[in-house]
Amino acid sequence: MGQVTALLSAIGQGESAALGELYALLYPELHRLAHSRVRRSGALTLLDTTSLVHESYLRFEKSGAVSIGDRGQFMAYAARVMRSVVVDAVRARHIERRGGDSVHVGLDEAKDLHAQDRHDSEVLRVHESLEELATIDARLVQVVEMRYFAGMTEAEIASALALSQRTISRSWEKARLFLHASLR
């Protein structure tokens, strides 16, 4: 049994220290996934790579003992948690903007806020479309989460889900078509 599998088994049995060890072991890989997600958002997100990884750790810890069998399933779960973190950050930012006192905003700042609003709106619309897609095909949602929210390649997704790369490619294409139609 590999070290990751042993740690996942320990987490499933409720050993709290195993989660920290697992995150330490997979931190470079999780950091790379988070970096990919944050890089696509550019300056439009308040989250940085480290914050995204750490917040996903805290949420994983809060969820308690989750039964995950292997590294691939863990990475799929991590992608789902990262999606949740990003969506919650966008929602929190929207709540802050809708309340509070009026503030004078210069033209350059207004331009940045408009770009951030567009990005936030896109994230929320994709999230809502994924909830709709989940009622049709849960695997397509996993593929989108791993690709869009965690920045994984088709090869990495195929390995994580124990499917062929061709199957992942077709699933990604189906999901993209659904999202394109849904986001119009």
N, C-alpha and C. Protein backbone atom coordinates (compact mmCIF):
# COMPACT_ATOMS: atom_id res chain seq x y z
N MET A 1 0.84 -1.17 0.00
CA MET A 1 0.00 0.00 0.00
C MET A 1 0.89 1.24 0.00
N GLY A 2 0.61 2.18 -0.92
CA GLY A 2 1.41 3.39 -1.02
C GLY A 2 1.14 4.33 0.15
N GLN A 3 2.02 5.29 0.29
CA GLN A 3 1.91 6.23 1.41
C GLN A 3 0.61 7.04 1.32
N VAL A 4 0.24 7.49 0.11
CA VAL A 4 -0.99 8.27 -0.06
C VAL A 4 -2.20 7.42 0.31
N THR A 5 -2.23 6.19 -0.17
CA THR A 5 -3.35 5.29 0.12
C THR A 5 -3.46 5.02 1.61
N ALA A 6 -2.32 4.81 2.25
CA ALA A 6 -2.32 4.56 3.70
C ALA A 6 -2.85 5.77 4.46
N LEU A 7 -2.44 6.96 4.05
CA LEU A 7 -2.93 8.18 4.71
C LEU A 7 -4.42 8.37 4.47
N LEU A 8 -4.89 8.09 3.25
CA LEU A 8 -6.32 8.20 2.96
C LEU A 8 -7.13 7.22 3.80
N SER A 9 -6.58 6.04 3.98
CA SER A 9 -7.24 5.04 4.81
C SER A 9 -7.32 5.52 6.26
N ALA A 10 -6.22 6.11 6.74
CA ALA A 10 -6.19 6.63 8.11
C ALA A 10 -7.18 7.78 8.28
N ILE A 11 -7.30 8.64 7.26
CA ILE A 11 -8.26 9.74 7.31
C ILE A 11 -9.67 9.17 7.38
N GLY A 12 -9.94 8.15 6.56
CA GLY A 12 -11.25 7.51 6.57
C GLY A 12 -11.61 6.90 7.91
N GLN A 13 -10.59 6.54 8.68
CA GLN A 13 -10.82 5.96 10.01
C GLN A 13 -10.84 7.03 11.10
N GLY A 14 -10.73 8.29 10.66
CA GLY A 14 -10.87 9.38 11.63
C GLY A 14 -9.58 9.86 12.27
N GLU A 15 -8.43 9.45 11.78
CA GLU A 15 -7.15 9.91 12.33
C GLU A 15 -6.88 11.33 11.83
N SER A 16 -7.01 12.30 12.69
CA SER A 16 -6.89 13.70 12.27
C SER A 16 -5.48 14.08 11.81
N ALA A 17 -4.46 13.51 12.38
CA ALA A 17 -3.08 13.84 12.00
C ALA A 17 -2.76 13.41 10.57
N ALA A 18 -3.46 12.40 10.09
CA ALA A 18 -3.19 11.88 8.74
C ALA A 18 -3.50 12.91 7.67
N LEU A 19 -4.48 13.76 7.89
CA LEU A 19 -4.83 14.78 6.91
C LEU A 19 -3.68 15.76 6.72
N GLY A 20 -3.09 16.20 7.80
CA GLY A 20 -1.94 17.10 7.71
C GLY A 20 -0.79 16.46 6.97
N GLU A 21 -0.53 15.20 7.25
CA GLU A 21 0.54 14.49 6.56
C GLU A 21 0.25 14.36 5.07
N LEU A 22 -1.02 14.07 4.73
CA LEU A 22 -1.40 13.93 3.33
C LEU A 22 -1.23 15.26 2.59
N TYR A 23 -1.69 16.34 3.19
CA TYR A 23 -1.54 17.65 2.55
C TYR A 23 -0.07 18.02 2.41
N ALA A 24 0.74 17.69 3.40
CA ALA A 24 2.17 17.97 3.30
C ALA A 24 2.79 17.18 2.15
N LEU A 25 2.38 15.93 2.01
CA LEU A 25 2.91 15.08 0.95
C LEU A 25 2.47 15.56 -0.43
N LEU A 26 1.21 15.96 -0.56
CA LEU A 26 0.66 16.36 -1.86
C LEU A 26 0.67 17.88 -2.08
N TYR A 27 1.25 18.62 -1.14
CA TYR A 27 1.21 20.08 -1.23
C TYR A 27 1.72 20.62 -2.56
N PRO A 28 2.87 20.14 -3.06
CA PRO A 28 3.33 20.69 -4.35
C PRO A 28 2.31 20.49 -5.48
N GLU A 29 1.69 19.35 -5.51
CA GLU A 29 0.70 19.06 -6.54
C GLU A 29 -0.56 19.92 -6.35
N LEU A 30 -1.03 20.05 -5.12
CA LEU A 30 -2.19 20.88 -4.83
C LEU A 30 -1.89 22.35 -5.11
N HIS A 31 -0.68 22.77 -4.78
CA HIS A 31 -0.27 24.14 -5.03
C HIS A 31 -0.24 24.43 -6.53
N ARG A 32 0.23 23.47 -7.31
CA ARG A 32 0.26 23.63 -8.77
C ARG A 32 -1.15 23.75 -9.33
N LEU A 33 -2.07 22.93 -8.83
CA LEU A 33 -3.46 23.01 -9.27
C LEU A 33 -4.08 24.36 -8.92
N ALA A 34 -3.84 24.79 -7.70
CA ALA A 34 -4.38 26.08 -7.27
C ALA A 34 -3.75 27.23 -8.07
N HIS A 35 -2.46 27.12 -8.34
CA HIS A 35 -1.78 28.15 -9.12
C HIS A 35 -2.39 28.26 -10.51
N SER A 36 -2.70 27.13 -11.10
CA SER A 36 -3.32 27.12 -12.42
C SER A 36 -4.65 27.85 -12.38
N ARG A 37 -5.44 27.64 -11.35
CA ARG A 37 -6.74 28.28 -11.21
C ARG A 37 -6.60 29.78 -10.99
N VAL A 38 -5.71 30.16 -10.10
CA VAL A 38 -5.53 31.57 -9.78
C VAL A 38 -4.92 32.31 -10.97
N ARG A 39 -4.01 31.68 -11.69
CA ARG A 39 -3.36 32.30 -12.84
C ARG A 39 -4.40 32.69 -13.90
N ARG A 40 -5.39 31.83 -14.13
CA ARG A 40 -6.43 32.14 -15.11
C ARG A 40 -7.28 33.32 -14.66
N SER A 41 -7.38 33.54 -13.37
CA SER A 41 -8.18 34.65 -12.87
C SER A 41 -7.39 35.94 -12.84
N GLY A 42 -6.08 35.84 -12.88
CA GLY A 42 -5.24 37.03 -12.85
C GLY A 42 -5.46 37.83 -11.59
N ALA A 43 -5.49 39.15 -11.75
CA ALA A 43 -5.66 40.05 -10.61
C ALA A 43 -7.12 40.16 -10.20
N LEU A 44 -7.97 39.36 -10.83
CA LEU A 44 -9.41 39.50 -10.58
C LEU A 44 -9.88 38.73 -9.35
N THR A 45 -9.01 37.99 -8.72
CA THR A 45 -9.42 37.23 -7.56
C THR A 45 -8.67 37.72 -6.32
N LEU A 46 -9.35 37.67 -5.20
CA LEU A 46 -8.70 38.05 -3.95
C LEU A 46 -7.89 36.90 -3.38
N LEU A 47 -8.09 35.71 -3.93
CA LEU A 47 -7.37 34.53 -3.45
C LEU A 47 -6.03 34.41 -4.14
N ASP A 48 -5.03 34.05 -3.38
CA ASP A 48 -3.77 33.67 -4.02
C ASP A 48 -3.66 32.15 -3.93
N THR A 49 -2.65 31.62 -4.56
CA THR A 49 -2.49 30.17 -4.63
C THR A 49 -2.44 29.53 -3.25
N THR A 50 -1.63 30.08 -2.39
CA THR A 50 -1.47 29.52 -1.05
C THR A 50 -2.78 29.58 -0.28
N SER A 51 -3.49 30.69 -0.39
CA SER A 51 -4.77 30.82 0.31
C SER A 51 -5.77 29.78 -0.16
N LEU A 52 -5.78 29.53 -1.47
CA LEU A 52 -6.71 28.55 -2.03
C LEU A 52 -6.39 27.15 -1.50
N VAL A 53 -5.13 26.79 -1.46
CA VAL A 53 -4.75 25.47 -0.95
C VAL A 53 -5.06 25.36 0.54
N HIS A 54 -4.73 26.39 1.29
CA HIS A 54 -4.96 26.35 2.74
C HIS A 54 -6.45 26.34 3.07
N GLU A 55 -7.23 27.12 2.34
CA GLU A 55 -8.68 27.12 2.58
C GLU A 55 -9.27 25.76 2.23
N SER A 56 -8.77 25.13 1.17
CA SER A 56 -9.28 23.79 0.83
C SER A 56 -8.91 22.79 1.93
N TYR A 57 -7.73 22.94 2.53
CA TYR A 57 -7.34 22.08 3.65
C TYR A 57 -8.31 22.26 4.82
N LEU A 58 -8.60 23.52 5.15
CA LEU A 58 -9.50 23.78 6.28
C LEU A 58 -10.89 23.21 6.03
N ARG A 59 -11.35 23.30 4.80
CA ARG A 59 -12.67 22.74 4.50
C ARG A 59 -12.65 21.22 4.53
N PHE A 60 -11.57 20.65 4.08
CA PHE A 60 -11.45 19.19 4.12
C PHE A 60 -11.44 18.74 5.58
N GLU A 61 -10.70 19.47 6.41
CA GLU A 61 -10.61 19.15 7.83
C GLU A 61 -11.98 19.28 8.50
N LYS A 62 -12.71 20.32 8.14
CA LYS A 62 -14.03 20.56 8.72
C LYS A 62 -15.03 19.47 8.33
N SER A 63 -14.86 18.90 7.14
CA SER A 63 -15.82 17.90 6.67
C SER A 63 -15.72 16.58 7.44
N GLY A 64 -14.63 16.41 8.18
CA GLY A 64 -14.48 15.18 8.98
C GLY A 64 -13.92 14.04 8.14
N ALA A 65 -14.15 12.84 8.57
CA ALA A 65 -13.62 11.65 7.89
C ALA A 65 -14.42 11.41 6.61
N VAL A 66 -13.76 11.60 5.50
CA VAL A 66 -14.37 11.37 4.19
C VAL A 66 -13.72 10.13 3.61
N SER A 67 -14.53 9.25 3.08
CA SER A 67 -14.00 8.01 2.53
C SER A 67 -13.53 8.22 1.10
N ILE A 68 -12.23 8.28 0.92
CA ILE A 68 -11.62 8.44 -0.40
C ILE A 68 -10.60 7.33 -0.54
N GLY A 69 -10.71 6.58 -1.65
CA GLY A 69 -9.89 5.37 -1.79
C GLY A 69 -8.50 5.55 -2.33
N ASP A 70 -8.29 6.52 -3.24
CA ASP A 70 -6.96 6.63 -3.84
C ASP A 70 -6.62 8.07 -4.17
N ARG A 71 -5.42 8.27 -4.66
CA ARG A 71 -4.92 9.60 -4.98
C ARG A 71 -5.83 10.32 -5.99
N GLY A 72 -6.28 9.61 -7.00
CA GLY A 72 -7.13 10.20 -8.02
C GLY A 72 -8.43 10.72 -7.45
N GLN A 73 -9.05 9.94 -6.59
CA GLN A 73 -10.29 10.38 -5.96
C GLN A 73 -10.04 11.59 -5.06
N PHE A 74 -8.89 11.59 -4.39
CA PHE A 74 -8.55 12.72 -3.54
C PHE A 74 -8.39 13.99 -4.37
N MET A 75 -7.70 13.90 -5.52
CA MET A 75 -7.49 15.06 -6.36
C MET A 75 -8.83 15.56 -6.93
N ALA A 76 -9.72 14.63 -7.26
CA ALA A 76 -11.05 15.02 -7.73
C ALA A 76 -11.80 15.75 -6.62
N TYR A 77 -11.69 15.25 -5.40
CA TYR A 77 -12.34 15.89 -4.27
C TYR A 77 -11.72 17.26 -4.00
N ALA A 78 -10.39 17.35 -4.11
CA ALA A 78 -9.71 18.62 -3.91
C ALA A 78 -10.18 19.65 -4.94
N ALA A 79 -10.39 19.21 -6.18
CA ALA A 79 -10.89 20.11 -7.23
C ALA A 79 -12.27 20.63 -6.87
N ARG A 80 -13.12 19.76 -6.35
CA ARG A 80 -14.47 20.15 -5.93
C ARG A 80 -14.41 21.16 -4.80
N VAL A 81 -13.51 20.92 -3.85
CA VAL A 81 -13.36 21.84 -2.72
C VAL A 81 -12.83 23.19 -3.20
N MET A 82 -11.87 23.17 -4.14
CA MET A 82 -11.35 24.44 -4.68
C MET A 82 -12.45 25.21 -5.38
N ARG A 83 -13.31 24.49 -6.10
CA ARG A 83 -14.45 25.14 -6.75
C ARG A 83 -15.31 25.83 -5.69
N SER A 84 -15.59 25.13 -4.62
CA SER A 84 -16.40 25.67 -3.55
C SER A 84 -15.76 26.91 -2.94
N VAL A 85 -14.47 26.88 -2.74
CA VAL A 85 -13.75 28.02 -2.16
C VAL A 85 -13.85 29.23 -3.08
N VAL A 86 -13.61 29.01 -4.38
CA VAL A 86 -13.66 30.11 -5.35
C VAL A 86 -15.07 30.71 -5.41
N VAL A 87 -16.07 29.86 -5.50
CA VAL A 87 -17.46 30.34 -5.59
C VAL A 87 -17.84 31.09 -4.32
N ASP A 88 -17.47 30.58 -3.16
CA ASP A 88 -17.79 31.27 -1.91
C ASP A 88 -17.08 32.62 -1.81
N ALA A 89 -15.84 32.70 -2.30
CA ALA A 89 -15.11 33.97 -2.29
C ALA A 89 -15.81 34.99 -3.18
N VAL A 90 -16.28 34.56 -4.33
CA VAL A 90 -16.99 35.45 -5.25
C VAL A 90 -18.29 35.91 -4.61
N ARG A 91 -19.02 35.00 -4.01
CA ARG A 91 -20.28 35.38 -3.36
C ARG A 91 -20.04 36.37 -2.23
N ALA A 92 -19.02 36.14 -1.44
CA ALA A 92 -18.72 37.06 -0.33
C ALA A 92 -18.37 38.45 -0.85
N ARG A 93 -17.63 38.50 -1.95
CA ARG A 93 -17.27 39.79 -2.53
C ARG A 93 -18.53 40.52 -3.03
N HIS A 94 -19.47 39.78 -3.61
CA HIS A 94 -20.72 40.38 -4.07
C HIS A 94 -21.52 40.94 -2.89
N ILE A 95 -21.55 40.23 -1.80
CA ILE A 95 -22.28 40.69 -0.62
C ILE A 95 -21.65 41.98 -0.09
N GLU A 96 -20.32 42.04 -0.05
CA GLU A 96 -19.64 43.24 0.43
C GLU A 96 -19.95 44.43 -0.46
N ARG A 97 -19.98 44.22 -1.78
CA ARG A 97 -20.23 45.32 -2.70
C ARG A 97 -21.65 45.85 -2.62
N ARG A 98 -22.58 44.98 -2.32
CA ARG A 98 -23.98 45.39 -2.31
C ARG A 98 -24.34 46.18 -1.04
N GLY A 99 -23.57 46.01 0.00
CA GLY A 99 -23.85 46.73 1.24
C GLY A 99 -22.78 47.76 1.51
N GLY A 100 -22.88 48.36 2.65
CA GLY A 100 -21.83 49.29 3.07
C GLY A 100 -22.03 50.69 2.56
N ASP A 101 -21.10 51.56 2.91
CA ASP A 101 -21.18 52.97 2.56
C ASP A 101 -20.70 53.20 1.14
N SER A 102 -21.16 54.29 0.55
CA SER A 102 -20.72 54.68 -0.79
C SER A 102 -19.28 55.16 -0.68
N VAL A 103 -18.51 54.81 -1.70
CA VAL A 103 -17.10 55.18 -1.72
C VAL A 103 -16.80 55.80 -3.08
N HIS A 104 -16.03 56.87 -3.10
CA HIS A 104 -15.63 57.49 -4.36
C HIS A 104 -14.64 56.56 -5.06
N VAL A 105 -14.91 56.27 -6.34
CA VAL A 105 -14.07 55.37 -7.11
C VAL A 105 -13.61 56.12 -8.36
N GLY A 106 -12.29 56.12 -8.58
CA GLY A 106 -11.73 56.74 -9.77
C GLY A 106 -11.99 55.91 -11.02
N LEU A 107 -11.73 56.48 -12.20
CA LEU A 107 -11.99 55.78 -13.45
C LEU A 107 -11.18 54.49 -13.58
N ASP A 108 -9.91 54.53 -13.21
CA ASP A 108 -9.09 53.31 -13.30
C ASP A 108 -9.61 52.23 -12.38
N GLU A 109 -10.00 52.62 -11.17
CA GLU A 109 -10.55 51.63 -10.23
C GLU A 109 -11.87 51.08 -10.72
N ALA A 110 -12.69 51.94 -11.34
CA ALA A 110 -13.98 51.50 -11.87
C ALA A 110 -13.77 50.47 -12.97
N LYS A 111 -12.77 50.68 -13.80
CA LYS A 111 -12.46 49.73 -14.88
C LYS A 111 -12.07 48.37 -14.28
N ASP A 112 -11.23 48.39 -13.26
CA ASP A 112 -10.82 47.14 -12.60
C ASP A 112 -12.01 46.46 -11.94
N LEU A 113 -12.88 47.24 -11.30
CA LEU A 113 -14.06 46.66 -10.65
C LEU A 113 -15.00 46.05 -11.68
N HIS A 114 -15.13 46.69 -12.85
CA HIS A 114 -15.99 46.15 -13.90
C HIS A 114 -15.44 44.81 -14.39
N ALA A 115 -14.13 44.73 -14.59
CA ALA A 115 -13.50 43.47 -15.02
C ALA A 115 -13.69 42.39 -13.95
N GLN A 116 -13.56 42.78 -12.69
CA GLN A 116 -13.75 41.83 -11.60
C GLN A 116 -15.20 41.36 -11.54
N ASP A 117 -16.14 42.28 -11.76
CA ASP A 117 -17.56 41.91 -11.78
C ASP A 117 -17.83 40.89 -12.88
N ARG A 118 -17.27 41.11 -14.06
CA ARG A 118 -17.46 40.17 -15.17
C ARG A 118 -16.91 38.80 -14.81
N HIS A 119 -15.73 38.76 -14.21
CA HIS A 119 -15.12 37.49 -13.81
C HIS A 119 -15.98 36.80 -12.76
N ASP A 120 -16.40 37.55 -11.75
CA ASP A 120 -17.23 36.99 -10.68
C ASP A 120 -18.53 36.44 -11.25
N SER A 121 -19.12 37.20 -12.15
CA SER A 121 -20.37 36.77 -12.77
C SER A 121 -20.17 35.47 -13.54
N GLU A 122 -19.04 35.37 -14.23
CA GLU A 122 -18.75 34.14 -14.98
C GLU A 122 -18.62 32.94 -14.04
N VAL A 123 -17.90 33.11 -12.95
CA VAL A 123 -17.71 32.02 -12.00
C VAL A 123 -19.06 31.56 -11.44
N LEU A 124 -19.91 32.50 -11.07
CA LEU A 124 -21.21 32.14 -10.52
C LEU A 124 -22.12 31.49 -11.57
N ARG A 125 -22.07 31.98 -12.79
CA ARG A 125 -22.89 31.38 -13.85
C ARG A 125 -22.41 29.97 -14.16
N VAL A 126 -21.11 29.76 -14.19
CA VAL A 126 -20.58 28.41 -14.42
C VAL A 126 -21.00 27.50 -13.28
N HIS A 127 -20.91 27.98 -12.05
CA HIS A 127 -21.32 27.19 -10.89
C HIS A 127 -22.79 26.77 -10.99
N GLU A 128 -23.65 27.72 -11.33
CA GLU A 128 -25.08 27.41 -11.45
C GLU A 128 -25.33 26.42 -12.59
N SER A 129 -24.62 26.58 -13.69
CA SER A 129 -24.77 25.65 -14.81
C SER A 129 -24.29 24.26 -14.42
N LEU A 130 -23.24 24.20 -13.62
CA LEU A 130 -22.74 22.89 -13.16
C LEU A 130 -23.74 22.21 -12.25
N GLU A 131 -24.44 22.97 -11.44
CA GLU A 131 -25.48 22.37 -10.60
C GLU A 131 -26.57 21.76 -11.47
N GLU A 132 -26.91 22.44 -12.55
CA GLU A 132 -27.90 21.91 -13.49
C GLU A 132 -27.35 20.67 -14.20
N LEU A 133 -26.09 20.74 -14.62
CA LEU A 133 -25.46 19.61 -15.31
C LEU A 133 -25.37 18.38 -14.40
N ALA A 134 -25.20 18.60 -13.11
CA ALA A 134 -25.08 17.48 -12.15
C ALA A 134 -26.33 16.61 -12.14
N THR A 135 -27.47 17.20 -12.47
CA THR A 135 -28.70 16.40 -12.53
C THR A 135 -28.73 15.52 -13.77
N ILE A 136 -27.88 15.82 -14.75
CA ILE A 136 -27.84 15.07 -16.00
C ILE A 136 -26.71 14.04 -16.00
N ASP A 137 -25.49 14.51 -15.65
CA ASP A 137 -24.32 13.63 -15.69
C ASP A 137 -23.26 14.13 -14.71
N ALA A 138 -23.13 13.44 -13.60
CA ALA A 138 -22.20 13.86 -12.54
C ALA A 138 -20.74 13.79 -12.99
N ARG A 139 -20.39 12.84 -13.87
CA ARG A 139 -19.00 12.73 -14.31
C ARG A 139 -18.59 13.97 -15.11
N LEU A 140 -19.50 14.51 -15.89
CA LEU A 140 -19.17 15.72 -16.64
C LEU A 140 -18.85 16.87 -15.69
N VAL A 141 -19.56 16.93 -14.59
CA VAL A 141 -19.30 17.97 -13.59
C VAL A 141 -17.91 17.77 -12.99
N GLN A 142 -17.56 16.53 -12.69
CA GLN A 142 -16.22 16.26 -12.15
C GLN A 142 -15.15 16.71 -13.12
N VAL A 143 -15.34 16.43 -14.40
CA VAL A 143 -14.36 16.82 -15.41
C VAL A 143 -14.21 18.34 -15.45
N VAL A 144 -15.33 19.05 -15.42
CA VAL A 144 -15.27 20.52 -15.44
C VAL A 144 -14.61 21.05 -14.18
N GLU A 145 -14.96 20.49 -13.03
CA GLU A 145 -14.33 20.94 -11.78
C GLU A 145 -12.83 20.76 -11.84
N MET A 146 -12.41 19.62 -12.32
CA MET A 146 -10.98 19.32 -12.34
C MET A 146 -10.26 20.15 -13.40
N ARG A 147 -10.93 20.46 -14.49
CA ARG A 147 -10.31 21.21 -15.58
C ARG A 147 -10.42 22.72 -15.32
N TYR A 148 -11.62 23.21 -15.05
CA TYR A 148 -11.85 24.65 -14.94
C TYR A 148 -11.43 25.20 -13.58
N PHE A 149 -11.81 24.52 -12.51
CA PHE A 149 -11.54 25.05 -11.18
C PHE A 149 -10.18 24.64 -10.63
N ALA A 150 -9.67 23.47 -11.03
CA ALA A 150 -8.37 23.03 -10.51
C ALA A 150 -7.27 23.09 -11.57
N GLY A 151 -7.63 23.32 -12.83
CA GLY A 151 -6.63 23.49 -13.88
C GLY A 151 -5.89 22.24 -14.27
N MET A 152 -6.49 21.08 -14.05
CA MET A 152 -5.83 19.83 -14.38
C MET A 152 -5.91 19.58 -15.89
N THR A 153 -4.93 18.87 -16.43
CA THR A 153 -4.95 18.50 -17.84
C THR A 153 -5.84 17.28 -18.03
N GLU A 154 -6.17 16.99 -19.29
CA GLU A 154 -7.00 15.81 -19.57
C GLU A 154 -6.30 14.54 -19.12
N ALA A 155 -4.99 14.47 -19.29
CA ALA A 155 -4.23 13.29 -18.86
C ALA A 155 -4.31 13.12 -17.34
N GLU A 156 -4.19 14.22 -16.60
CA GLU A 156 -4.27 14.16 -15.14
C GLU A 156 -5.67 13.74 -14.70
N ILE A 157 -6.68 14.26 -15.38
CA ILE A 157 -8.06 13.91 -15.04
C ILE A 157 -8.30 12.44 -15.33
N ALA A 158 -7.83 11.97 -16.47
CA ALA A 158 -8.00 10.56 -16.83
C ALA A 158 -7.37 9.66 -15.78
N SER A 159 -6.18 10.03 -15.34
CA SER A 159 -5.50 9.25 -14.31
C SER A 159 -6.28 9.29 -12.99
N ALA A 160 -6.76 10.48 -12.63
CA ALA A 160 -7.47 10.64 -11.36
C ALA A 160 -8.78 9.86 -11.34
N LEU A 161 -9.47 9.80 -12.48
CA LEU A 161 -10.77 9.14 -12.53
C LEU A 161 -10.68 7.71 -13.06
N ALA A 162 -9.48 7.27 -13.35
CA ALA A 162 -9.24 5.91 -13.87
C ALA A 162 -10.06 5.66 -15.14
N LEU A 163 -10.02 6.64 -16.05
CA LEU A 163 -10.69 6.53 -17.33
C LEU A 163 -9.67 6.81 -18.43
N SER A 164 -10.02 6.51 -19.66
CA SER A 164 -9.11 6.80 -20.76
C SER A 164 -9.10 8.29 -21.05
N GLN A 165 -8.00 8.74 -21.61
CA GLN A 165 -7.89 10.15 -21.94
C GLN A 165 -8.93 10.52 -23.02
N ARG A 166 -9.22 9.59 -23.92
CA ARG A 166 -10.23 9.83 -24.95
C ARG A 166 -11.62 10.03 -24.32
N THR A 167 -11.95 9.24 -23.31
CA THR A 167 -13.22 9.40 -22.61
C THR A 167 -13.30 10.77 -21.95
N ILE A 168 -12.21 11.18 -21.34
CA ILE A 168 -12.17 12.50 -20.69
C ILE A 168 -12.31 13.60 -21.74
N SER A 169 -11.66 13.43 -22.87
CA SER A 169 -11.74 14.41 -23.94
C SER A 169 -13.19 14.57 -24.43
N ARG A 170 -13.86 13.44 -24.62
CA ARG A 170 -15.27 13.49 -25.03
C ARG A 170 -16.14 14.11 -23.94
N SER A 171 -15.88 13.75 -22.70
CA SER A 171 -16.65 14.31 -21.59
C SER A 171 -16.45 15.83 -21.50
N TRP A 172 -15.22 16.27 -21.67
CA TRP A 172 -14.91 17.70 -21.63
C TRP A 172 -15.66 18.42 -22.76
N GLU A 173 -15.67 17.83 -23.94
CA GLU A 173 -16.36 18.44 -25.07
C GLU A 173 -17.87 18.51 -24.81
N LYS A 174 -18.45 17.44 -24.28
CA LYS A 174 -19.89 17.45 -23.95
C LYS A 174 -20.19 18.53 -22.92
N ALA A 175 -19.36 18.60 -21.89
CA ALA A 175 -19.58 19.59 -20.83
C ALA A 175 -19.45 21.00 -21.39
N ARG A 176 -18.45 21.23 -22.23
CA ARG A 176 -18.27 22.56 -22.84
C ARG A 176 -19.48 22.95 -23.67
N LEU A 177 -20.01 22.00 -24.45
CA LEU A 177 -21.20 22.29 -25.26
C LEU A 177 -22.40 22.63 -24.37
N PHE A 178 -22.57 21.86 -23.30
CA PHE A 178 -23.66 22.13 -22.37
C PHE A 178 -23.50 23.52 -21.75
N LEU A 179 -22.28 23.82 -21.28
CA LEU A 179 -22.04 25.10 -20.63
C LEU A 179 -22.23 26.25 -21.62
N HIS A 180 -21.76 26.07 -22.84
CA HIS A 180 -21.92 27.11 -23.85
C HIS A 180 -23.40 27.42 -24.08
N ALA A 181 -24.19 26.39 -24.20
CA ALA A 181 -25.63 26.59 -24.40
C ALA A 181 -26.27 27.18 -23.15
N SER A 182 -25.85 26.74 -22.00
CA SER A 182 -26.44 27.18 -20.74
C SER A 182 -26.06 28.63 -20.40
N LEU A 183 -24.87 29.04 -20.80
CA LEU A 183 -24.36 30.36 -20.42
C LEU A 183 -24.75 31.46 -21.41
N ARG A 184 -25.46 31.13 -22.44
CA ARG A 184 -25.89 32.15 -23.43
C ARG A 184 -26.83 33.13 -22.82
